[in-house]
N, C-alpha and C. Protein backbone atom coordinates (compact mmCIF):
# COMPACT_ATOMS: atom_id res chain seq x y z
N MET A 1 48.12 182.69 180.93
CA MET A 1 47.48 183.99 180.89
C MET A 1 46.20 183.91 180.06
N THR A 2 45.16 184.59 180.53
CA THR A 2 43.91 184.68 179.78
C THR A 2 43.53 186.15 179.62
N VAL A 3 42.47 186.38 178.90
CA VAL A 3 41.94 187.73 178.73
C VAL A 3 41.71 188.39 180.09
N PHE A 4 41.29 187.61 181.06
CA PHE A 4 40.97 188.16 182.37
C PHE A 4 42.19 188.69 183.13
N ASP A 5 43.39 188.35 182.67
CA ASP A 5 44.62 188.80 183.31
C ASP A 5 45.17 190.09 182.71
N ILE A 6 44.57 190.57 181.63
CA ILE A 6 45.07 191.74 180.92
C ILE A 6 44.55 193.02 181.58
N LYS A 7 45.42 193.99 181.65
CA LYS A 7 45.07 195.28 182.26
C LYS A 7 44.60 196.25 181.17
N ILE A 8 43.48 196.88 181.41
CA ILE A 8 42.96 197.92 180.52
C ILE A 8 42.12 198.86 181.38
N ASP A 9 42.12 200.13 181.03
CA ASP A 9 41.36 201.11 181.80
C ASP A 9 39.92 201.18 181.33
N ALA A 10 39.06 201.63 182.21
CA ALA A 10 37.65 201.85 181.91
C ALA A 10 37.50 203.17 181.15
N LEU A 11 36.42 203.31 180.43
CA LEU A 11 36.17 204.53 179.66
C LEU A 11 36.19 205.77 180.54
N THR A 12 35.63 205.65 181.72
CA THR A 12 35.51 206.81 182.60
C THR A 12 36.68 206.96 183.56
N GLY A 13 37.73 206.15 183.37
CA GLY A 13 38.92 206.24 184.22
C GLY A 13 39.00 205.08 185.19
N GLY A 14 40.18 204.84 185.68
CA GLY A 14 40.42 203.70 186.57
C GLY A 14 40.48 202.40 185.79
N SER A 15 40.68 201.32 186.48
CA SER A 15 40.81 200.02 185.85
C SER A 15 39.46 199.45 185.43
N ALA A 16 39.44 198.81 184.26
CA ALA A 16 38.24 198.08 183.84
C ALA A 16 38.17 196.74 184.56
N ASP A 17 39.26 196.31 185.19
CA ASP A 17 39.33 195.10 186.01
C ASP A 17 38.67 193.89 185.35
N LEU A 18 39.30 193.42 184.28
CA LEU A 18 38.75 192.26 183.56
C LEU A 18 38.69 191.02 184.45
N ALA A 19 39.50 190.98 185.50
CA ALA A 19 39.48 189.83 186.41
C ALA A 19 38.12 189.63 187.06
N GLN A 20 37.33 190.70 187.16
CA GLN A 20 36.00 190.56 187.76
C GLN A 20 35.08 189.67 186.93
N TYR A 21 35.44 189.43 185.67
CA TYR A 21 34.59 188.62 184.79
C TYR A 21 34.98 187.14 184.77
N LYS A 22 36.01 186.77 185.54
CA LYS A 22 36.36 185.34 185.64
C LYS A 22 35.12 184.57 186.07
N GLY A 23 34.84 183.50 185.37
CA GLY A 23 33.67 182.70 185.67
C GLY A 23 32.42 183.17 184.94
N SER A 24 32.55 184.23 184.13
CA SER A 24 31.43 184.75 183.34
C SER A 24 31.77 184.65 181.86
N ALA A 25 30.74 184.75 181.04
CA ALA A 25 30.92 184.85 179.59
C ALA A 25 30.92 186.33 179.24
N VAL A 26 31.80 186.73 178.31
CA VAL A 26 31.92 188.13 177.94
C VAL A 26 31.97 188.24 176.42
N LEU A 27 31.20 189.17 175.87
CA LEU A 27 31.27 189.47 174.45
C LEU A 27 32.01 190.80 174.31
N ILE A 28 33.24 190.73 173.80
CA ILE A 28 34.07 191.92 173.62
C ILE A 28 33.86 192.44 172.20
N VAL A 29 33.52 193.72 172.10
CA VAL A 29 33.18 194.32 170.81
C VAL A 29 33.89 195.66 170.66
N ASN A 30 34.67 195.84 169.58
CA ASN A 30 35.23 197.17 169.32
C ASN A 30 34.13 198.02 168.69
N VAL A 31 33.84 199.13 169.34
CA VAL A 31 32.68 199.95 168.98
C VAL A 31 33.08 201.33 168.47
N ALA A 32 32.14 201.97 167.77
CA ALA A 32 32.34 203.33 167.27
C ALA A 32 30.98 204.01 167.15
N SER A 33 30.96 205.29 167.42
CA SER A 33 29.71 206.05 167.47
C SER A 33 29.25 206.61 166.13
N ARG A 34 30.13 206.64 165.14
CA ARG A 34 29.79 207.26 163.86
C ARG A 34 29.98 206.29 162.70
N CYS A 35 29.55 205.08 162.88
CA CYS A 35 29.74 204.01 161.91
C CYS A 35 28.36 203.55 161.42
N GLY A 36 28.31 203.01 160.22
CA GLY A 36 27.06 202.45 159.73
C GLY A 36 26.56 201.30 160.58
N LEU A 37 27.46 200.68 161.34
CA LEU A 37 27.07 199.55 162.20
C LEU A 37 26.73 200.00 163.62
N THR A 38 26.81 201.30 163.90
CA THR A 38 26.54 201.81 165.24
C THR A 38 25.19 201.37 165.81
N PRO A 39 24.15 201.21 164.99
CA PRO A 39 22.87 200.73 165.55
C PRO A 39 22.97 199.37 166.25
N GLN A 40 24.08 198.64 166.05
CA GLN A 40 24.27 197.39 166.78
C GLN A 40 24.31 197.61 168.29
N TYR A 41 24.58 198.84 168.72
CA TYR A 41 24.54 199.13 170.16
C TYR A 41 23.22 198.68 170.78
N ALA A 42 22.12 198.89 170.09
CA ALA A 42 20.80 198.52 170.63
C ALA A 42 20.72 197.02 170.87
N ALA A 43 21.18 196.22 169.92
CA ALA A 43 21.15 194.77 170.08
C ALA A 43 22.14 194.31 171.15
N LEU A 44 23.30 194.97 171.23
CA LEU A 44 24.25 194.62 172.29
C LEU A 44 23.63 194.87 173.66
N GLU A 45 22.91 195.96 173.81
CA GLU A 45 22.26 196.25 175.09
C GLU A 45 21.16 195.23 175.38
N ARG A 46 20.44 194.78 174.37
CA ARG A 46 19.43 193.73 174.61
C ARG A 46 20.09 192.44 175.07
N LEU A 47 21.23 192.09 174.47
CA LEU A 47 21.96 190.90 174.95
C LEU A 47 22.35 191.09 176.41
N GLN A 48 22.85 192.28 176.74
CA GLN A 48 23.24 192.56 178.12
C GLN A 48 22.06 192.34 179.06
N GLN A 49 20.92 192.87 178.70
CA GLN A 49 19.73 192.75 179.55
C GLN A 49 19.23 191.30 179.62
N ASP A 50 19.26 190.61 178.49
CA ASP A 50 18.72 189.25 178.43
C ASP A 50 19.59 188.22 179.15
N TYR A 51 20.90 188.41 179.15
CA TYR A 51 21.81 187.37 179.65
C TYR A 51 22.58 187.73 180.92
N ALA A 52 22.51 188.97 181.36
CA ALA A 52 23.32 189.40 182.52
C ALA A 52 23.07 188.54 183.75
N SER A 53 21.83 188.16 183.99
CA SER A 53 21.52 187.37 185.18
C SER A 53 22.05 185.95 185.09
N ARG A 54 22.53 185.56 183.91
CA ARG A 54 23.05 184.20 183.72
C ARG A 54 24.58 184.19 183.63
N GLY A 55 25.22 185.28 184.07
CA GLY A 55 26.68 185.30 184.09
C GLY A 55 27.29 185.77 182.78
N PHE A 56 26.74 186.81 182.18
CA PHE A 56 27.20 187.31 180.89
C PHE A 56 27.29 188.83 180.94
N THR A 57 28.26 189.38 180.20
CA THR A 57 28.29 190.82 179.99
C THR A 57 28.85 191.12 178.61
N VAL A 58 28.43 192.24 178.07
CA VAL A 58 29.04 192.83 176.88
C VAL A 58 30.11 193.79 177.40
N LEU A 59 31.23 193.84 176.72
CA LEU A 59 32.28 194.80 177.04
C LEU A 59 32.59 195.57 175.77
N GLY A 60 32.25 196.85 175.75
CA GLY A 60 32.53 197.70 174.60
C GLY A 60 33.93 198.27 174.67
N VAL A 61 34.61 198.27 173.52
CA VAL A 61 35.97 198.78 173.43
C VAL A 61 35.99 199.85 172.32
N PRO A 62 35.81 201.12 172.67
CA PRO A 62 35.82 202.16 171.65
C PRO A 62 37.16 202.19 170.91
N CYS A 63 37.06 202.38 169.59
CA CYS A 63 38.25 202.40 168.75
C CYS A 63 38.05 203.44 167.65
N ASN A 64 39.07 204.24 167.40
CA ASN A 64 39.01 205.29 166.38
C ASN A 64 39.89 204.97 165.18
N GLN A 65 40.23 203.71 164.96
CA GLN A 65 41.16 203.35 163.90
C GLN A 65 40.51 203.14 162.54
N PHE A 66 39.20 203.16 162.45
CA PHE A 66 38.53 202.88 161.20
C PHE A 66 37.83 204.15 160.71
N MET A 67 38.52 204.88 159.84
CA MET A 67 38.02 206.13 159.26
C MET A 67 37.62 207.16 160.31
N GLY A 68 38.26 207.13 161.48
CA GLY A 68 38.02 208.14 162.51
C GLY A 68 36.58 208.18 163.00
N GLN A 69 35.95 207.00 163.09
CA GLN A 69 34.52 206.93 163.42
C GLN A 69 34.22 206.92 164.93
N GLU A 70 35.26 207.07 165.77
CA GLU A 70 35.06 207.22 167.21
C GLU A 70 35.96 208.34 167.71
N PRO A 71 35.67 209.60 167.28
CA PRO A 71 36.55 210.71 167.61
C PRO A 71 36.32 211.34 168.98
N GLY A 72 35.25 210.98 169.65
CA GLY A 72 34.85 211.67 170.88
C GLY A 72 35.76 211.45 172.07
N THR A 73 35.56 212.31 173.05
CA THR A 73 36.22 212.15 174.34
C THR A 73 35.51 211.03 175.09
N PRO A 74 36.09 210.52 176.16
CA PRO A 74 35.39 209.50 176.94
C PRO A 74 34.00 209.95 177.37
N GLU A 75 33.89 211.21 177.79
CA GLU A 75 32.59 211.72 178.24
C GLU A 75 31.59 211.76 177.09
N GLU A 76 32.04 212.19 175.91
CA GLU A 76 31.16 212.23 174.74
C GLU A 76 30.71 210.84 174.33
N ILE A 77 31.61 209.89 174.37
CA ILE A 77 31.27 208.51 174.02
C ILE A 77 30.23 207.96 174.99
N ALA A 78 30.49 208.13 176.28
CA ALA A 78 29.56 207.62 177.31
C ALA A 78 28.19 208.26 177.17
N THR A 79 28.15 209.55 176.96
CA THR A 79 26.87 210.26 176.82
C THR A 79 26.13 209.80 175.58
N PHE A 80 26.83 209.70 174.46
CA PHE A 80 26.20 209.24 173.22
C PHE A 80 25.58 207.86 173.40
N CYS A 81 26.34 206.94 173.95
CA CYS A 81 25.87 205.55 174.08
C CYS A 81 24.67 205.44 175.02
N SER A 82 24.73 206.12 176.13
CA SER A 82 23.62 206.02 177.08
C SER A 82 22.40 206.79 176.60
N ALA A 83 22.59 207.97 176.03
CA ALA A 83 21.45 208.79 175.60
C ALA A 83 20.80 208.24 174.33
N THR A 84 21.60 207.73 173.40
CA THR A 84 21.07 207.27 172.12
C THR A 84 20.59 205.83 172.17
N TYR A 85 21.32 204.97 172.86
CA TYR A 85 21.00 203.54 172.86
C TYR A 85 20.69 202.97 174.23
N GLY A 86 20.76 203.77 175.27
CA GLY A 86 20.45 203.31 176.61
C GLY A 86 21.41 202.25 177.13
N THR A 87 22.65 202.29 176.68
CA THR A 87 23.61 201.26 177.08
C THR A 87 23.92 201.31 178.57
N THR A 88 24.02 200.13 179.13
CA THR A 88 24.40 199.98 180.53
C THR A 88 25.65 199.11 180.68
N PHE A 89 26.05 198.45 179.60
CA PHE A 89 27.21 197.56 179.70
C PHE A 89 28.50 198.37 179.83
N PRO A 90 29.52 197.76 180.44
CA PRO A 90 30.79 198.47 180.67
C PRO A 90 31.54 198.72 179.37
N MET A 91 32.35 199.77 179.41
CA MET A 91 33.20 200.11 178.27
C MET A 91 34.61 200.44 178.75
N THR A 92 35.57 200.12 177.91
CA THR A 92 36.97 200.41 178.23
C THR A 92 37.35 201.77 177.65
N GLN A 93 38.58 202.14 177.93
CA GLN A 93 39.17 203.32 177.31
C GLN A 93 39.19 203.13 175.80
N LYS A 94 39.32 204.22 175.06
CA LYS A 94 39.49 204.14 173.61
C LYS A 94 40.82 203.43 173.35
N THR A 95 40.80 202.47 172.45
CA THR A 95 41.90 201.53 172.32
C THR A 95 42.25 201.26 170.86
N ASP A 96 43.54 201.08 170.57
CA ASP A 96 43.96 200.61 169.25
C ASP A 96 43.83 199.09 169.22
N VAL A 97 43.17 198.59 168.17
CA VAL A 97 42.97 197.15 168.03
C VAL A 97 43.88 196.53 166.97
N ASN A 98 44.52 197.37 166.17
CA ASN A 98 45.45 196.94 165.12
C ASN A 98 46.71 197.78 165.18
N GLY A 99 47.74 197.32 164.49
CA GLY A 99 48.95 198.12 164.31
C GLY A 99 49.95 198.02 165.44
N ASP A 100 50.96 198.88 165.35
CA ASP A 100 52.06 198.86 166.30
C ASP A 100 51.64 199.13 167.74
N ASN A 101 50.54 199.87 167.91
CA ASN A 101 50.06 200.19 169.26
C ASN A 101 48.86 199.35 169.68
N ARG A 102 48.70 198.20 169.03
CA ARG A 102 47.59 197.30 169.38
C ARG A 102 47.64 196.99 170.88
N HIS A 103 46.51 197.13 171.53
CA HIS A 103 46.44 196.84 172.96
C HIS A 103 46.65 195.35 173.19
N PRO A 104 47.30 194.96 174.30
CA PRO A 104 47.50 193.54 174.61
C PRO A 104 46.20 192.72 174.62
N LEU A 105 45.08 193.35 174.94
CA LEU A 105 43.81 192.62 174.89
C LEU A 105 43.56 192.09 173.48
N TYR A 106 43.78 192.93 172.48
CA TYR A 106 43.54 192.51 171.11
C TYR A 106 44.66 191.61 170.58
N THR A 107 45.85 191.74 171.12
CA THR A 107 46.92 190.81 170.77
C THR A 107 46.49 189.39 171.16
N GLU A 108 45.81 189.28 172.29
CA GLU A 108 45.32 187.99 172.77
C GLU A 108 44.15 187.47 171.93
N LEU A 109 43.35 188.37 171.39
CA LEU A 109 42.13 187.98 170.69
C LEU A 109 42.31 187.63 169.21
N VAL A 110 43.17 188.35 168.50
CA VAL A 110 43.15 188.30 167.03
C VAL A 110 43.59 186.98 166.40
N ASP A 111 44.23 186.12 167.13
CA ASP A 111 44.64 184.84 166.55
C ASP A 111 43.47 183.88 166.37
N THR A 112 42.35 184.16 167.00
CA THR A 112 41.17 183.31 166.87
C THR A 112 40.50 183.59 165.53
N ALA A 113 40.14 182.53 164.82
CA ALA A 113 39.47 182.67 163.53
C ALA A 113 37.96 182.67 163.69
N ASP A 114 37.28 183.38 162.79
CA ASP A 114 35.82 183.33 162.78
C ASP A 114 35.35 182.14 161.95
N ALA A 115 34.06 182.02 161.73
CA ALA A 115 33.50 180.87 161.02
C ALA A 115 33.99 180.79 159.57
N ASP A 116 34.39 181.92 158.99
CA ASP A 116 34.91 181.94 157.62
C ASP A 116 36.42 181.74 157.56
N GLY A 117 37.05 181.55 158.72
CA GLY A 117 38.48 181.32 158.77
C GLY A 117 39.33 182.57 158.90
N HIS A 118 38.71 183.74 159.05
CA HIS A 118 39.50 184.97 159.19
C HIS A 118 40.08 185.06 160.59
N SER A 119 41.39 185.23 160.65
CA SER A 119 42.07 185.56 161.91
C SER A 119 42.99 186.73 161.60
N GLY A 120 43.61 187.25 162.62
CA GLY A 120 44.50 188.39 162.41
C GLY A 120 43.77 189.70 162.63
N ASP A 121 44.22 190.73 161.93
CA ASP A 121 43.73 192.08 162.16
C ASP A 121 42.21 192.19 162.21
N ILE A 122 41.76 193.11 163.04
CA ILE A 122 40.35 193.46 163.12
C ILE A 122 40.00 194.16 161.81
N ARG A 123 38.87 193.77 161.19
CA ARG A 123 38.52 194.29 159.88
C ARG A 123 37.76 195.60 159.93
N TRP A 124 36.96 195.81 160.98
CA TRP A 124 36.13 197.02 161.03
C TRP A 124 35.55 197.13 162.43
N ASN A 125 34.82 198.19 162.66
CA ASN A 125 34.11 198.37 163.92
C ASN A 125 33.11 197.23 164.13
N PHE A 126 32.87 196.90 165.36
CA PHE A 126 31.86 195.92 165.79
C PHE A 126 32.24 194.47 165.49
N GLU A 127 33.54 194.17 165.43
CA GLU A 127 33.98 192.77 165.40
C GLU A 127 33.81 192.25 166.82
N LYS A 128 33.34 191.01 166.94
CA LYS A 128 32.93 190.49 168.25
C LYS A 128 33.74 189.24 168.61
N PHE A 129 34.11 189.17 169.90
CA PHE A 129 34.82 188.00 170.44
C PHE A 129 34.08 187.52 171.67
N LEU A 130 33.71 186.26 171.69
CA LEU A 130 33.04 185.67 172.85
C LEU A 130 34.09 185.00 173.71
N ILE A 131 34.14 185.40 174.97
CA ILE A 131 35.10 184.85 175.93
C ILE A 131 34.34 183.90 176.86
N ALA A 132 34.86 182.69 177.00
CA ALA A 132 34.26 181.70 177.89
C ALA A 132 34.62 182.02 179.34
N PRO A 133 33.89 181.45 180.27
CA PRO A 133 34.14 181.73 181.70
C PRO A 133 35.57 181.43 182.16
N ASP A 134 36.30 180.57 181.45
CA ASP A 134 37.69 180.27 181.83
C ASP A 134 38.69 181.24 181.20
N GLY A 135 38.19 182.22 180.45
CA GLY A 135 39.06 183.23 179.86
C GLY A 135 39.55 182.92 178.46
N THR A 136 39.15 181.78 177.90
CA THR A 136 39.55 181.45 176.54
C THR A 136 38.60 182.08 175.53
N VAL A 137 39.09 182.30 174.32
CA VAL A 137 38.26 182.86 173.27
C VAL A 137 37.45 181.72 172.66
N ALA A 138 36.13 181.81 172.81
CA ALA A 138 35.24 180.74 172.36
C ALA A 138 34.77 180.93 170.92
N ALA A 139 34.70 182.18 170.46
CA ALA A 139 34.20 182.44 169.11
C ALA A 139 34.55 183.86 168.69
N ARG A 140 34.60 184.04 167.38
CA ARG A 140 34.82 185.36 166.78
C ARG A 140 33.76 185.56 165.71
N PHE A 141 33.22 186.78 165.64
CA PHE A 141 32.17 187.09 164.68
C PHE A 141 32.52 188.34 163.90
N ALA A 142 32.24 188.32 162.61
CA ALA A 142 32.52 189.44 161.73
C ALA A 142 31.73 190.68 162.15
N PRO A 143 32.23 191.86 161.79
CA PRO A 143 31.54 193.09 162.16
C PRO A 143 30.07 193.14 161.71
N GLN A 144 29.78 192.63 160.53
CA GLN A 144 28.43 192.69 160.00
C GLN A 144 27.48 191.69 160.65
N THR A 145 28.01 190.74 161.39
CA THR A 145 27.16 189.77 162.08
C THR A 145 26.40 190.49 163.19
N GLU A 146 25.09 190.44 163.10
CA GLU A 146 24.26 191.11 164.11
C GLU A 146 24.45 190.45 165.47
N PRO A 147 24.50 191.24 166.53
CA PRO A 147 24.70 190.67 167.87
C PRO A 147 23.66 189.63 168.27
N GLU A 148 22.45 189.74 167.76
CA GLU A 148 21.40 188.79 168.11
C GLU A 148 21.20 187.70 167.06
N ALA A 149 22.15 187.57 166.13
CA ALA A 149 22.09 186.51 165.12
C ALA A 149 22.11 185.14 165.82
N ALA A 150 21.48 184.18 165.18
CA ALA A 150 21.36 182.84 165.77
C ALA A 150 22.72 182.26 166.15
N GLU A 151 23.74 182.46 165.32
CA GLU A 151 25.05 181.89 165.64
C GLU A 151 25.68 182.55 166.85
N VAL A 152 25.40 183.82 167.06
CA VAL A 152 25.95 184.51 168.23
C VAL A 152 25.23 184.05 169.50
N THR A 153 23.91 184.06 169.47
CA THR A 153 23.17 183.66 170.68
C THR A 153 23.40 182.18 171.01
N ALA A 154 23.56 181.34 169.99
CA ALA A 154 23.86 179.92 170.25
C ALA A 154 25.22 179.79 170.94
N ALA A 155 26.19 180.56 170.45
CA ALA A 155 27.53 180.51 171.08
C ALA A 155 27.48 181.03 172.51
N ILE A 156 26.75 182.11 172.73
CA ILE A 156 26.62 182.64 174.09
C ILE A 156 25.99 181.58 175.00
N ASN A 157 24.89 181.00 174.55
CA ASN A 157 24.22 179.98 175.37
C ASN A 157 25.12 178.78 175.66
N SER A 158 26.02 178.47 174.74
CA SER A 158 26.88 177.30 174.94
C SER A 158 27.95 177.52 176.00
N VAL A 159 28.24 178.80 176.34
CA VAL A 159 29.30 179.06 177.33
C VAL A 159 28.79 179.71 178.61
N LEU A 160 27.50 179.98 178.69
CA LEU A 160 26.97 180.61 179.91
C LEU A 160 27.25 179.72 181.12
N PRO A 161 27.70 180.31 182.21
CA PRO A 161 28.02 179.51 183.38
C PRO A 161 26.79 179.07 184.18
N ARG A 162 25.64 179.69 183.99
CA ARG A 162 24.45 179.30 184.73
C ARG A 162 23.21 179.55 183.92
């Protein structure tokens, strides 16, 4: 089983169909609209625009588990992201990333350690996981790591399928 086999709904309803990303690189990010790191949306959208033609996508996963910083409805989240940051990348339903109700997607992700050796629970909004085209977790990045940081773009370039 890989990340691409996990079922999760899209923000606007219906399946997010992770299987469609088989053969692509995906940066999965738990996002929030009222966080000090929310401006990372702009950089995530630039990554989407810069790498989409090379088999890459950002996948936003709204989460309200960190000080209630993603309280909106799906419609409010979608409107905020598109109107404020011009996001075009796909987003899933609002999801628990930690605790007893942790979504299976994050159960699959959290065992991967970042460069500092942290594995396990998600620490905050905007923690990033790079998924290789075969569905394996290629890298994990701390929430404060900017999406366009050299280590992130190097990792993305190392797994791009084309």
